[in-house]
Amino acid sequence: MSAARLAVLRTAVRAEAGEWTTHDVQRLYRACGIDAPFRATARRDLAREGLLALDDSNSDRRVFRACGRARTGGAA
């Protein structure tokens, strides 16, 4: 069950690079008929796949970006 969910996320991230939020992932899962009702599930999947990295440059919004383009807060 989680393998299918992660495969859907992996395919979507490769097809549509850019920002991904837990809300985006939940919407994707619902559109694909996958039951994953919790934000924590979406957040864990985003971090687990290794395709995305947390961009915490904006403390008001948590987004994940494709690896290699992620930014973290801190000195540049």
Protein backbone atom coordinates (compact mmCIF):
# COMPACT_ATOMS: atom_id res chain seq x y z
CA MET A 1 0.00 0.00 0.00
CA SER A 2 2.66 2.57 0.84
CA ALA A 3 4.80 1.34 -2.07
CA ALA A 4 2.00 2.21 -4.50
CA ARG A 5 1.51 5.57 -2.81
CA LEU A 6 5.22 6.37 -3.06
CA ALA A 7 5.33 5.29 -6.70
CA VAL A 8 2.52 7.75 -7.50
CA LEU A 9 4.37 10.54 -5.70
CA ARG A 10 7.69 9.70 -7.38
CA THR A 11 6.08 9.81 -10.84
CA ALA A 12 4.30 13.09 -10.12
CA VAL A 13 7.41 14.80 -8.75
CA ARG A 14 9.44 13.81 -11.80
CA ALA A 15 6.68 15.01 -14.13
CA GLU A 16 6.07 18.29 -12.34
CA ALA A 17 9.10 19.77 -10.62
CA GLY A 18 8.70 22.75 -8.36
CA GLU A 19 7.16 23.29 -4.95
CA TRP A 20 5.33 20.47 -3.26
CA THR A 21 3.37 20.92 -0.04
CA THR A 22 1.55 18.38 2.08
CA HIS A 23 -1.70 19.77 0.66
CA ASP A 24 -0.47 19.15 -2.90
CA VAL A 25 0.40 15.56 -2.03
CA GLN A 26 -2.95 14.94 -0.35
CA ARG A 27 -4.72 16.32 -3.44
CA LEU A 28 -2.62 14.06 -5.69
CA TYR A 29 -3.41 11.00 -3.58
CA ARG A 30 -7.15 11.74 -3.59
CA ALA A 31 -7.11 12.24 -7.37
CA CYS A 32 -5.48 8.82 -7.74
CA GLY A 33 -7.92 7.14 -5.34
CA ILE A 34 -5.30 6.62 -2.64
CA ASP A 35 -6.49 6.86 0.96
CA ALA A 36 -3.92 8.93 2.87
CA PRO A 37 -5.95 11.33 5.00
CA PHE A 38 -3.25 12.69 7.29
CA ARG A 39 -0.84 15.56 6.57
CA ALA A 40 1.81 13.67 8.52
CA THR A 41 1.59 10.85 5.95
CA ALA A 42 2.11 13.31 3.10
CA ARG A 43 4.99 15.03 4.93
CA ARG A 44 6.67 11.70 5.69
CA ASP A 45 6.30 10.60 2.07
CA LEU A 46 7.80 13.87 0.82
CA ALA A 47 10.84 13.44 3.05
CA ARG A 48 11.17 9.67 2.58
CA GLU A 49 11.45 9.61 -1.18
CA GLY A 50 14.72 11.54 -1.34
CA LEU A 51 13.52 13.30 -4.48
CA LEU A 52 12.60 16.37 -2.48
CA ALA A 53 14.25 18.40 0.24
CA LEU A 54 12.69 20.78 2.72
CA ASP A 55 12.95 24.46 1.79
CA ASP A 56 12.66 26.31 5.10
CA SER A 57 13.70 29.73 3.81
CA ASN A 58 10.17 31.01 4.54
CA SER A 59 9.27 30.30 8.16
CA ASP A 60 5.57 30.81 7.39
CA ARG A 61 5.36 28.04 4.80
CA ARG A 62 6.92 24.58 4.61
CA VAL A 63 7.56 23.45 1.04
CA PHE A 64 9.63 20.71 -0.51
CA ARG A 65 11.61 21.16 -3.73
CA ALA A 66 13.41 18.80 -6.05
CA CYS A 67 16.82 17.88 -4.64
CA GLY A 68 19.62 20.03 -5.94
CA ARG A 69 17.42 23.11 -5.89
CA ALA A 70 16.41 23.08 -2.24
CA ARG A 71 17.39 25.97 -0.03
CA THR A 72 17.61 26.02 3.70
CA GLY A 73 17.55 28.99 5.98
CA GLY A 74 21.00 30.10 6.97
CA ALA A 75 23.96 32.06 5.75
CA ALA A 76 24.52 32.03 2.01
